[in-house]
mmCIF file of all heavy atoms, coordinates in Angstrom:
data_MODEL
# 
_entry.id   MODEL 
# 
loop_
_atom_site.group_PDB 
_atom_site.id 
_atom_site.type_symbol 
_atom_site.label_atom_id 
_atom_site.label_alt_id 
_atom_site.label_comp_id 
_atom_site.label_asym_id 
_atom_site.label_entity_id 
_atom_site.label_seq_id 
_atom_site.pdbx_PDB_ins_code 
_atom_site.Cartn_x 
_atom_site.Cartn_y 
_atom_site.Cartn_z 
_atom_site.occupancy 
_atom_site.B_iso_or_equiv 
_atom_site.pdbx_formal_charge 
_atom_site.auth_seq_id 
_atom_site.auth_comp_id 
_atom_site.auth_asym_id 
_atom_site.auth_atom_id 
_atom_site.pdbx_PDB_model_num 
ATOM 1   N N   . HIS A 1 1  ? 4.344   -7.864  3.842   1.00 0.00 ? 1  HIS A N   1 
ATOM 2   C CA  . HIS A 1 1  ? 5.356   -7.939  2.789   1.00 0.00 ? 1  HIS A CA  1 
ATOM 3   C C   . HIS A 1 1  ? 5.596   -9.383  2.365   1.00 0.00 ? 1  HIS A C   1 
ATOM 4   O O   . HIS A 1 1  ? 5.661   -9.700  1.163   1.00 0.00 ? 1  HIS A O   1 
ATOM 5   C CB  . HIS A 1 1  ? 6.659   -7.315  3.279   1.00 0.00 ? 1  HIS A CB  1 
ATOM 6   C CG  . HIS A 1 1  ? 7.755   -7.297  2.263   1.00 0.00 ? 1  HIS A CG  1 
ATOM 7   N ND1 . HIS A 1 1  ? 8.611   -8.352  2.081   1.00 0.00 ? 1  HIS A ND1 1 
ATOM 8   C CD2 . HIS A 1 1  ? 8.121   -6.350  1.356   1.00 0.00 ? 1  HIS A CD2 1 
ATOM 9   C CE1 . HIS A 1 1  ? 9.467   -8.068  1.121   1.00 0.00 ? 1  HIS A CE1 1 
ATOM 10  N NE2 . HIS A 1 1  ? 9.193   -6.854  0.668   1.00 0.00 ? 1  HIS A NE2 1 
ATOM 11  N N   . ASP A 1 2  ? 5.711   -10.284 3.334   1.00 0.00 ? 2  ASP A N   1 
ATOM 12  C CA  . ASP A 1 2  ? 5.948   -11.691 3.010   1.00 0.00 ? 2  ASP A CA  1 
ATOM 13  C C   . ASP A 1 2  ? 4.774   -12.299 2.240   1.00 0.00 ? 2  ASP A C   1 
ATOM 14  O O   . ASP A 1 2  ? 4.960   -13.158 1.373   1.00 0.00 ? 2  ASP A O   1 
ATOM 15  C CB  . ASP A 1 2  ? 6.188   -12.493 4.284   1.00 0.00 ? 2  ASP A CB  1 
ATOM 16  C CG  . ASP A 1 2  ? 7.504   -12.146 4.968   1.00 0.00 ? 2  ASP A CG  1 
ATOM 17  O OD1 . ASP A 1 2  ? 8.344   -11.466 4.334   1.00 0.00 ? 2  ASP A OD1 1 
ATOM 18  O OD2 . ASP A 1 2  ? 7.687   -12.551 6.136   1.00 0.00 ? 2  ASP A OD2 1 
ATOM 19  N N   . ARG A 1 3  ? 3.580   -11.831 2.537   1.00 0.00 ? 3  ARG A N   1 
ATOM 20  C CA  . ARG A 1 3  ? 2.372   -12.387 1.913   1.00 0.00 ? 3  ARG A CA  1 
ATOM 21  C C   . ARG A 1 3  ? 2.150   -11.877 0.493   1.00 0.00 ? 3  ARG A C   1 
ATOM 22  O O   . ARG A 1 3  ? 1.782   -12.643 -0.396  1.00 0.00 ? 3  ARG A O   1 
ATOM 23  C CB  . ARG A 1 3  ? 1.161   -12.062 2.792   1.00 0.00 ? 3  ARG A CB  1 
ATOM 24  C CG  . ARG A 1 3  ? -0.124  -12.713 2.363   1.00 0.00 ? 3  ARG A CG  1 
ATOM 25  C CD  . ARG A 1 3  ? -1.180  -12.642 3.458   1.00 0.00 ? 3  ARG A CD  1 
ATOM 26  N NE  . ARG A 1 3  ? -1.526  -11.283 3.836   1.00 0.00 ? 3  ARG A NE  1 
ATOM 27  C CZ  . ARG A 1 3  ? -1.236  -10.734 5.012   1.00 0.00 ? 3  ARG A CZ  1 
ATOM 28  N NH1 . ARG A 1 3  ? -0.561  -11.408 5.922   1.00 0.00 ? 3  ARG A NH1 1 
ATOM 29  N NH2 . ARG A 1 3  ? -1.613  -9.497  5.280   1.00 0.00 ? 3  ARG A NH2 1 
ATOM 30  N N   . VAL A 1 4  ? 2.370   -10.567 0.260   1.00 0.00 ? 4  VAL A N   1 
ATOM 31  C CA  . VAL A 1 4  ? 2.007   -9.989  -1.032  1.00 0.00 ? 4  VAL A CA  1 
ATOM 32  C C   . VAL A 1 4  ? 3.192   -9.776  -1.962  1.00 0.00 ? 4  VAL A C   1 
ATOM 33  O O   . VAL A 1 4  ? 3.014   -9.595  -3.166  1.00 0.00 ? 4  VAL A O   1 
ATOM 34  C CB  . VAL A 1 4  ? 1.243   -8.662  -0.853  1.00 0.00 ? 4  VAL A CB  1 
ATOM 35  C CG1 . VAL A 1 4  ? 0.014   -8.859  0.005   1.00 0.00 ? 4  VAL A CG1 1 
ATOM 36  C CG2 . VAL A 1 4  ? 2.150   -7.572  -0.280  1.00 0.00 ? 4  VAL A CG2 1 
ATOM 37  N N   . GLY A 1 5  ? 4.420   -9.741  -1.433  1.00 0.00 ? 5  GLY A N   1 
ATOM 38  C CA  . GLY A 1 5  ? 5.595   -9.505  -2.263  1.00 0.00 ? 5  GLY A CA  1 
ATOM 39  C C   . GLY A 1 5  ? 5.911   -8.026  -2.419  1.00 0.00 ? 5  GLY A C   1 
ATOM 40  O O   . GLY A 1 5  ? 5.088   -7.146  -2.134  1.00 0.00 ? 5  GLY A O   1 
ATOM 41  N N   . GLU A 1 6  ? 7.118   -7.757  -2.895  1.00 0.00 ? 6  GLU A N   1 
ATOM 42  C CA  . GLU A 1 6  ? 7.628   -6.383  -2.969  1.00 0.00 ? 6  GLU A CA  1 
ATOM 43  C C   . GLU A 1 6  ? 6.793   -5.484  -3.873  1.00 0.00 ? 6  GLU A C   1 
ATOM 44  O O   . GLU A 1 6  ? 6.523   -4.326  -3.538  1.00 0.00 ? 6  GLU A O   1 
ATOM 45  C CB  . GLU A 1 6  ? 9.081   -6.409  -3.433  1.00 0.00 ? 6  GLU A CB  1 
ATOM 46  C CG  . GLU A 1 6  ? 9.743   -5.045  -3.586  1.00 0.00 ? 6  GLU A CG  1 
ATOM 47  C CD  . GLU A 1 6  ? 10.110  -4.399  -2.259  1.00 0.00 ? 6  GLU A CD  1 
ATOM 48  O OE1 . GLU A 1 6  ? 9.966   -5.056  -1.209  1.00 0.00 ? 6  GLU A OE1 1 
ATOM 49  O OE2 . GLU A 1 6  ? 10.544  -3.234  -2.279  1.00 0.00 ? 6  GLU A OE2 1 
ATOM 50  N N   . ASP A 1 7  ? 6.366   -5.978  -5.023  1.00 0.00 ? 7  ASP A N   1 
ATOM 51  C CA  . ASP A 1 7  ? 5.663   -5.126  -5.989  1.00 0.00 ? 7  ASP A CA  1 
ATOM 52  C C   . ASP A 1 7  ? 4.355   -4.596  -5.423  1.00 0.00 ? 7  ASP A C   1 
ATOM 53  O O   . ASP A 1 7  ? 4.080   -3.391  -5.488  1.00 0.00 ? 7  ASP A O   1 
ATOM 54  C CB  . ASP A 1 7  ? 5.414   -5.899  -7.283  1.00 0.00 ? 7  ASP A CB  1 
ATOM 55  C CG  . ASP A 1 7  ? 4.775   -5.027  -8.353  1.00 0.00 ? 7  ASP A CG  1 
ATOM 56  O OD1 . ASP A 1 7  ? 5.380   -3.997  -8.713  1.00 0.00 ? 7  ASP A OD1 1 
ATOM 57  O OD2 . ASP A 1 7  ? 3.680   -5.364  -8.830  1.00 0.00 ? 7  ASP A OD2 1 
ATOM 58  N N   . VAL A 1 8  ? 3.536   -5.467  -4.857  1.00 0.00 ? 8  VAL A N   1 
ATOM 59  C CA  . VAL A 1 8  ? 2.273   -5.029  -4.263  1.00 0.00 ? 8  VAL A CA  1 
ATOM 60  C C   . VAL A 1 8  ? 2.543   -4.189  -3.019  1.00 0.00 ? 8  VAL A C   1 
ATOM 61  O O   . VAL A 1 8  ? 1.862   -3.186  -2.769  1.00 0.00 ? 8  VAL A O   1 
ATOM 62  C CB  . VAL A 1 8  ? 1.382   -6.239  -3.920  1.00 0.00 ? 8  VAL A CB  1 
ATOM 63  C CG1 . VAL A 1 8  ? 0.139   -5.804  -3.132  1.00 0.00 ? 8  VAL A CG1 1 
ATOM 64  C CG2 . VAL A 1 8  ? 0.966   -6.962  -5.193  1.00 0.00 ? 8  VAL A CG2 1 
ATOM 65  N N   . PHE A 1 9  ? 3.542   -4.570  -2.254  1.00 0.00 ? 9  PHE A N   1 
ATOM 66  C CA  . PHE A 1 9  ? 3.871   -3.870  -1.009  1.00 0.00 ? 9  PHE A CA  1 
ATOM 67  C C   . PHE A 1 9  ? 4.133   -2.394  -1.244  1.00 0.00 ? 9  PHE A C   1 
ATOM 68  O O   . PHE A 1 9  ? 3.677   -1.543  -0.472  1.00 0.00 ? 9  PHE A O   1 
ATOM 69  C CB  . PHE A 1 9  ? 5.092   -4.539  -0.387  1.00 0.00 ? 9  PHE A CB  1 
ATOM 70  C CG  . PHE A 1 9  ? 5.469   -4.034  0.972   1.00 0.00 ? 9  PHE A CG  1 
ATOM 71  C CD1 . PHE A 1 9  ? 4.813   -4.489  2.109   1.00 0.00 ? 9  PHE A CD1 1 
ATOM 72  C CD2 . PHE A 1 9  ? 6.497   -3.110  1.136   1.00 0.00 ? 9  PHE A CD2 1 
ATOM 73  C CE1 . PHE A 1 9  ? 5.167   -4.037  3.376   1.00 0.00 ? 9  PHE A CE1 1 
ATOM 74  C CE2 . PHE A 1 9  ? 6.859   -2.659  2.391   1.00 0.00 ? 9  PHE A CE2 1 
ATOM 75  C CZ  . PHE A 1 9  ? 6.190   -3.121  3.513   1.00 0.00 ? 9  PHE A CZ  1 
ATOM 76  N N   . VAL A 1 10 ? 4.858   -2.047  -2.295  1.00 0.00 ? 10 VAL A N   1 
ATOM 77  C CA  . VAL A 1 10 ? 5.194   -0.640  -2.542  1.00 0.00 ? 10 VAL A CA  1 
ATOM 78  C C   . VAL A 1 10 ? 4.078   0.097   -3.269  1.00 0.00 ? 10 VAL A C   1 
ATOM 79  O O   . VAL A 1 10 ? 4.069   1.331   -3.294  1.00 0.00 ? 10 VAL A O   1 
ATOM 80  C CB  . VAL A 1 10 ? 6.520   -0.505  -3.331  1.00 0.00 ? 10 VAL A CB  1 
ATOM 81  C CG1 . VAL A 1 10 ? 7.655   -1.133  -2.556  1.00 0.00 ? 10 VAL A CG1 1 
ATOM 82  C CG2 . VAL A 1 10 ? 6.419   -1.121  -4.719  1.00 0.00 ? 10 VAL A CG2 1 
ATOM 83  N N   . ARG A 1 11 ? 3.125   -0.619  -3.870  1.00 0.00 ? 11 ARG A N   1 
ATOM 84  C CA  . ARG A 1 11 ? 2.016   0.033   -4.582  1.00 0.00 ? 11 ARG A CA  1 
ATOM 85  C C   . ARG A 1 11 ? 0.754   0.148   -3.742  1.00 0.00 ? 11 ARG A C   1 
ATOM 86  O O   . ARG A 1 11 ? -0.103  0.994   -4.023  1.00 0.00 ? 11 ARG A O   1 
ATOM 87  C CB  . ARG A 1 11 ? 1.698   -0.725  -5.875  1.00 0.00 ? 11 ARG A CB  1 
ATOM 88  C CG  . ARG A 1 11 ? 2.757   -0.598  -6.955  1.00 0.00 ? 11 ARG A CG  1 
ATOM 89  C CD  . ARG A 1 11 ? 2.322   -1.204  -8.283  1.00 0.00 ? 11 ARG A CD  1 
ATOM 90  N NE  . ARG A 1 11 ? 2.141   -2.651  -8.210  1.00 0.00 ? 11 ARG A NE  1 
ATOM 91  C CZ  . ARG A 1 11 ? 0.969   -3.269  -8.186  1.00 0.00 ? 11 ARG A CZ  1 
ATOM 92  N NH1 . ARG A 1 11 ? -0.159  -2.574  -8.209  1.00 0.00 ? 11 ARG A NH1 1 
ATOM 93  N NH2 . ARG A 1 11 ? 0.899   -4.586  -8.121  1.00 0.00 ? 11 ARG A NH2 1 
ATOM 94  N N   . GLN A 1 12 ? 0.628   -0.696  -2.718  1.00 0.00 ? 12 GLN A N   1 
ATOM 95  C CA  . GLN A 1 12 ? -0.562  -0.687  -1.867  1.00 0.00 ? 12 GLN A CA  1 
ATOM 96  C C   . GLN A 1 12 ? -0.118  -0.692  -0.398  1.00 0.00 ? 12 GLN A C   1 
ATOM 97  O O   . GLN A 1 12 ? -0.167  -1.713  0.284   1.00 0.00 ? 12 GLN A O   1 
ATOM 98  C CB  . GLN A 1 12 ? -1.450  -1.897  -2.176  1.00 0.00 ? 12 GLN A CB  1 
ATOM 99  C CG  . GLN A 1 12 ? -1.969  -1.923  -3.594  1.00 0.00 ? 12 GLN A CG  1 
ATOM 100 C CD  . GLN A 1 12 ? -2.791  -3.168  -3.902  1.00 0.00 ? 12 GLN A CD  1 
ATOM 101 O OE1 . GLN A 1 12 ? -3.257  -3.856  -3.011  1.00 0.00 ? 12 GLN A OE1 1 
ATOM 102 N NE2 . GLN A 1 12 ? -2.965  -3.453  -5.175  1.00 0.00 ? 12 GLN A NE2 1 
ATOM 103 N N   . PRO A 1 13 ? 0.343   0.452   0.087   1.00 0.00 ? 13 PRO A N   1 
ATOM 104 C CA  . PRO A 1 13 ? 0.926   0.512   1.428   1.00 0.00 ? 13 PRO A CA  1 
ATOM 105 C C   . PRO A 1 13 ? -0.105  0.273   2.524   1.00 0.00 ? 13 PRO A C   1 
ATOM 106 O O   . PRO A 1 13 ? -1.272  0.652   2.396   1.00 0.00 ? 13 PRO A O   1 
ATOM 107 C CB  . PRO A 1 13 ? 1.495   1.933   1.502   1.00 0.00 ? 13 PRO A CB  1 
ATOM 108 C CG  . PRO A 1 13 ? 0.631   2.719   0.547   1.00 0.00 ? 13 PRO A CG  1 
ATOM 109 C CD  . PRO A 1 13 ? 0.322   1.777   -0.571  1.00 0.00 ? 13 PRO A CD  1 
ATOM 110 N N   . VAL A 1 14 ? 0.347   -0.367  3.594   1.00 0.00 ? 14 VAL A N   1 
ATOM 111 C CA  . VAL A 1 14 ? -0.454  -0.470  4.813   1.00 0.00 ? 14 VAL A CA  1 
ATOM 112 C C   . VAL A 1 14 ? 0.404   0.001   5.974   1.00 0.00 ? 14 VAL A C   1 
ATOM 113 O O   . VAL A 1 14 ? 1.630   -0.070  5.938   1.00 0.00 ? 14 VAL A O   1 
ATOM 114 C CB  . VAL A 1 14 ? -0.966  -1.902  5.079   1.00 0.00 ? 14 VAL A CB  1 
ATOM 115 C CG1 . VAL A 1 14 ? -1.777  -2.434  3.907   1.00 0.00 ? 14 VAL A CG1 1 
ATOM 116 C CG2 . VAL A 1 14 ? 0.174   -2.844  5.408   1.00 0.00 ? 14 VAL A CG2 1 
ATOM 117 N N   . GLY A 1 15 ? -0.251  0.503   6.984   1.00 0.00 ? 15 GLY A N   1 
ATOM 118 C CA  . GLY A 1 15 ? 0.467   0.964   8.161   1.00 0.00 ? 15 GLY A CA  1 
ATOM 119 C C   . GLY A 1 15 ? -0.415  0.843   9.374   1.00 0.00 ? 15 GLY A C   1 
ATOM 120 O O   . GLY A 1 15 ? -1.388  0.075   9.393   1.00 0.00 ? 15 GLY A O   1 
ATOM 121 N N   . THR A 1 16 ? -0.111  1.646   10.391  1.00 0.00 ? 16 THR A N   1 
ATOM 122 C CA  . THR A 1 16 ? -0.873  1.664   11.631  1.00 0.00 ? 16 THR A CA  1 
ATOM 123 C C   . THR A 1 16 ? -1.533  3.020   11.871  1.00 0.00 ? 16 THR A C   1 
ATOM 124 O O   . THR A 1 16 ? -2.115  3.245   12.923  1.00 0.00 ? 16 THR A O   1 
ATOM 125 C CB  . THR A 1 16 ? 0.054   1.353   12.826  1.00 0.00 ? 16 THR A CB  1 
ATOM 126 O OG1 . THR A 1 16 ? 1.134   2.300   12.826  1.00 0.00 ? 16 THR A OG1 1 
ATOM 127 C CG2 . THR A 1 16 ? 0.620   -0.063  12.741  1.00 0.00 ? 16 THR A CG2 1 
ATOM 128 N N   . GLY A 1 17 ? -1.435  3.912   10.907  1.00 0.00 ? 17 GLY A N   1 
ATOM 129 C CA  . GLY A 1 17 ? -1.897  5.284   11.085  1.00 0.00 ? 17 GLY A CA  1 
ATOM 130 C C   . GLY A 1 17 ? -3.401  5.442   11.061  1.00 0.00 ? 17 GLY A C   1 
ATOM 131 O O   . GLY A 1 17 ? -4.146  4.487   10.823  1.00 0.00 ? 17 GLY A O   1 
ATOM 132 N N   . PRO A 1 18 ? -3.889  6.670   11.277  1.00 0.00 ? 18 PRO A N   1 
ATOM 133 C CA  . PRO A 1 18 ? -5.328  6.931   11.356  1.00 0.00 ? 18 PRO A CA  1 
ATOM 134 C C   . PRO A 1 18 ? -6.032  6.896   10.008  1.00 0.00 ? 18 PRO A C   1 
ATOM 135 O O   . PRO A 1 18 ? -7.261  6.958   9.962   1.00 0.00 ? 18 PRO A O   1 
ATOM 136 C CB  . PRO A 1 18 ? -5.399  8.326   11.966  1.00 0.00 ? 18 PRO A CB  1 
ATOM 137 C CG  . PRO A 1 18 ? -4.117  8.970   11.559  1.00 0.00 ? 18 PRO A CG  1 
ATOM 138 C CD  . PRO A 1 18 ? -3.087  7.872   11.577  1.00 0.00 ? 18 PRO A CD  1 
ATOM 139 N N   . TYR A 1 19 ? -5.286  6.801   8.918   1.00 0.00 ? 19 TYR A N   1 
ATOM 140 C CA  . TYR A 1 19 ? -5.868  6.673   7.581   1.00 0.00 ? 19 TYR A CA  1 
ATOM 141 C C   . TYR A 1 19 ? -5.272  5.461   6.886   1.00 0.00 ? 19 TYR A C   1 
ATOM 142 O O   . TYR A 1 19 ? -4.109  5.120   7.094   1.00 0.00 ? 19 TYR A O   1 
ATOM 143 C CB  . TYR A 1 19 ? -5.595  7.924   6.730   1.00 0.00 ? 19 TYR A CB  1 
ATOM 144 C CG  . TYR A 1 19 ? -6.378  9.128   7.183   1.00 0.00 ? 19 TYR A CG  1 
ATOM 145 C CD1 . TYR A 1 19 ? -5.928  9.908   8.242   1.00 0.00 ? 19 TYR A CD1 1 
ATOM 146 C CD2 . TYR A 1 19 ? -7.583  9.473   6.575   1.00 0.00 ? 19 TYR A CD2 1 
ATOM 147 C CE1 . TYR A 1 19 ? -6.660  10.999  8.690   1.00 0.00 ? 19 TYR A CE1 1 
ATOM 148 C CE2 . TYR A 1 19 ? -8.314  10.569  7.008   1.00 0.00 ? 19 TYR A CE2 1 
ATOM 149 C CZ  . TYR A 1 19 ? -7.849  11.326  8.066   1.00 0.00 ? 19 TYR A CZ  1 
ATOM 150 O OH  . TYR A 1 19 ? -8.576  12.411  8.506   1.00 0.00 ? 19 TYR A OH  1 
ATOM 151 N N   . LYS A 1 20 ? -6.087  4.805   6.068   1.00 0.00 ? 20 LYS A N   1 
ATOM 152 C CA  . LYS A 1 20 ? -5.582  3.703   5.262   1.00 0.00 ? 20 LYS A CA  1 
ATOM 153 C C   . LYS A 1 20 ? -5.625  4.084   3.783   1.00 0.00 ? 20 LYS A C   1 
ATOM 154 O O   . LYS A 1 20 ? -6.418  4.928   3.355   1.00 0.00 ? 20 LYS A O   1 
ATOM 155 C CB  . LYS A 1 20 ? -6.379  2.423   5.505   1.00 0.00 ? 20 LYS A CB  1 
ATOM 156 C CG  . LYS A 1 20 ? -7.829  2.470   5.091   1.00 0.00 ? 20 LYS A CG  1 
ATOM 157 C CD  . LYS A 1 20 ? -8.512  1.134   5.399   1.00 0.00 ? 20 LYS A CD  1 
ATOM 158 C CE  . LYS A 1 20 ? -9.977  1.167   4.999   1.00 0.00 ? 20 LYS A CE  1 
ATOM 159 N NZ  . LYS A 1 20 ? -10.638 -0.141  5.284   1.00 0.00 ? 20 LYS A NZ  1 
ATOM 160 N N   . PHE A 1 21 ? -4.735  3.465   3.024   1.00 0.00 ? 21 PHE A N   1 
ATOM 161 C CA  . PHE A 1 21 ? -4.637  3.715   1.592   1.00 0.00 ? 21 PHE A CA  1 
ATOM 162 C C   . PHE A 1 21 ? -5.916  3.258   0.904   1.00 0.00 ? 21 PHE A C   1 
ATOM 163 O O   . PHE A 1 21 ? -6.405  2.158   1.137   1.00 0.00 ? 21 PHE A O   1 
ATOM 164 C CB  . PHE A 1 21 ? -3.441  2.945   1.037   1.00 0.00 ? 21 PHE A CB  1 
ATOM 165 C CG  . PHE A 1 21 ? -3.277  3.027   -0.459  1.00 0.00 ? 21 PHE A CG  1 
ATOM 166 C CD1 . PHE A 1 21 ? -2.775  4.172   -1.049  1.00 0.00 ? 21 PHE A CD1 1 
ATOM 167 C CD2 . PHE A 1 21 ? -3.608  1.945   -1.265  1.00 0.00 ? 21 PHE A CD2 1 
ATOM 168 C CE1 . PHE A 1 21 ? -2.617  4.247   -2.420  1.00 0.00 ? 21 PHE A CE1 1 
ATOM 169 C CE2 . PHE A 1 21 ? -3.446  2.015   -2.636  1.00 0.00 ? 21 PHE A CE2 1 
ATOM 170 C CZ  . PHE A 1 21 ? -2.947  3.169   -3.217  1.00 0.00 ? 21 PHE A CZ  1 
ATOM 171 N N   . ALA A 1 22 ? -6.466  4.132   0.028   1.00 0.00 ? 22 ALA A N   1 
ATOM 172 C CA  . ALA A 1 22 ? -7.716  3.810   -0.662  1.00 0.00 ? 22 ALA A CA  1 
ATOM 173 C C   . ALA A 1 22 ? -7.608  3.895   -2.178  1.00 0.00 ? 22 ALA A C   1 
ATOM 174 O O   . ALA A 1 22 ? -8.568  3.558   -2.871  1.00 0.00 ? 22 ALA A O   1 
ATOM 175 C CB  . ALA A 1 22 ? -8.830  4.739   -0.179  1.00 0.00 ? 22 ALA A CB  1 
ATOM 176 N N   . GLY A 1 23 ? -6.467  4.330   -2.717  1.00 0.00 ? 23 GLY A N   1 
ATOM 177 C CA  . GLY A 1 23 ? -6.322  4.380   -4.166  1.00 0.00 ? 23 GLY A CA  1 
ATOM 178 C C   . GLY A 1 23 ? -5.393  5.486   -4.616  1.00 0.00 ? 23 GLY A C   1 
ATOM 179 O O   . GLY A 1 23 ? -5.176  6.465   -3.897  1.00 0.00 ? 23 GLY A O   1 
ATOM 180 N N   . TYR A 1 24 ? -4.841  5.305   -5.809  1.00 0.00 ? 24 TYR A N   1 
ATOM 181 C CA  . TYR A 1 24 ? -3.919  6.291   -6.359  1.00 0.00 ? 24 TYR A CA  1 
ATOM 182 C C   . TYR A 1 24 ? -3.993  6.252   -7.879  1.00 0.00 ? 24 TYR A C   1 
ATOM 183 O O   . TYR A 1 24 ? -3.990  5.181   -8.494  1.00 0.00 ? 24 TYR A O   1 
ATOM 184 C CB  . TYR A 1 24 ? -2.490  5.980   -5.905  1.00 0.00 ? 24 TYR A CB  1 
ATOM 185 C CG  . TYR A 1 24 ? -1.411  6.823   -6.558  1.00 0.00 ? 24 TYR A CG  1 
ATOM 186 C CD1 . TYR A 1 24 ? -1.392  8.200   -6.412  1.00 0.00 ? 24 TYR A CD1 1 
ATOM 187 C CD2 . TYR A 1 24 ? -0.404  6.227   -7.319  1.00 0.00 ? 24 TYR A CD2 1 
ATOM 188 C CE1 . TYR A 1 24 ? -0.399  8.977   -6.996  1.00 0.00 ? 24 TYR A CE1 1 
ATOM 189 C CE2 . TYR A 1 24 ? 0.591   6.986   -7.910  1.00 0.00 ? 24 TYR A CE2 1 
ATOM 190 C CZ  . TYR A 1 24 ? 0.593   8.365   -7.746  1.00 0.00 ? 24 TYR A CZ  1 
ATOM 191 O OH  . TYR A 1 24 ? 1.576   9.121   -8.342  1.00 0.00 ? 24 TYR A OH  1 
ATOM 192 N N   . ALA A 1 25 ? -4.089  7.425   -8.497  1.00 0.00 ? 25 ALA A N   1 
ATOM 193 C CA  . ALA A 1 25 ? -4.012  7.568   -9.944  1.00 0.00 ? 25 ALA A CA  1 
ATOM 194 C C   . ALA A 1 25 ? -2.989  8.651   -10.239 1.00 0.00 ? 25 ALA A C   1 
ATOM 195 O O   . ALA A 1 25 ? -3.144  9.795   -9.791  1.00 0.00 ? 25 ALA A O   1 
ATOM 196 C CB  . ALA A 1 25 ? -5.365  7.935   -10.542 1.00 0.00 ? 25 ALA A CB  1 
ATOM 197 N N   . PHE A 1 26 ? -1.955  8.310   -10.987 1.00 0.00 ? 26 PHE A N   1 
ATOM 198 C CA  . PHE A 1 26 ? -0.850  9.225   -11.247 1.00 0.00 ? 26 PHE A CA  1 
ATOM 199 C C   . PHE A 1 26 ? -1.364  10.540  -11.827 1.00 0.00 ? 26 PHE A C   1 
ATOM 200 O O   . PHE A 1 26 ? -2.149  10.553  -12.781 1.00 0.00 ? 26 PHE A O   1 
ATOM 201 C CB  . PHE A 1 26 ? 0.140   8.581   -12.214 1.00 0.00 ? 26 PHE A CB  1 
ATOM 202 C CG  . PHE A 1 26 ? 1.339   9.440   -12.520 1.00 0.00 ? 26 PHE A CG  1 
ATOM 203 C CD1 . PHE A 1 26 ? 2.425   9.467   -11.662 1.00 0.00 ? 26 PHE A CD1 1 
ATOM 204 C CD2 . PHE A 1 26 ? 1.365   10.236  -13.663 1.00 0.00 ? 26 PHE A CD2 1 
ATOM 205 C CE1 . PHE A 1 26 ? 3.529   10.263  -11.937 1.00 0.00 ? 26 PHE A CE1 1 
ATOM 206 C CE2 . PHE A 1 26 ? 2.456   11.032  -13.944 1.00 0.00 ? 26 PHE A CE2 1 
ATOM 207 C CZ  . PHE A 1 26 ? 3.537   11.050  -13.083 1.00 0.00 ? 26 PHE A CZ  1 
ATOM 208 N N   . GLY A 1 27 ? -0.930  11.649  -11.241 1.00 0.00 ? 27 GLY A N   1 
ATOM 209 C CA  . GLY A 1 27 ? -1.297  12.965  -11.727 1.00 0.00 ? 27 GLY A CA  1 
ATOM 210 C C   . GLY A 1 27 ? -2.717  13.376  -11.411 1.00 0.00 ? 27 GLY A C   1 
ATOM 211 O O   . GLY A 1 27 ? -3.147  14.459  -11.832 1.00 0.00 ? 27 GLY A O   1 
# 
C-alpha cells in the first residue's frame, strides 16, 4: 500500500492466498 498508493491498491489486490490477482474486466 505504501509503495503503490490507495488507487492501485484497491484495483490490483495482493494477498497471501493460494491464488493471485491476474486481471479484471467489468461485466
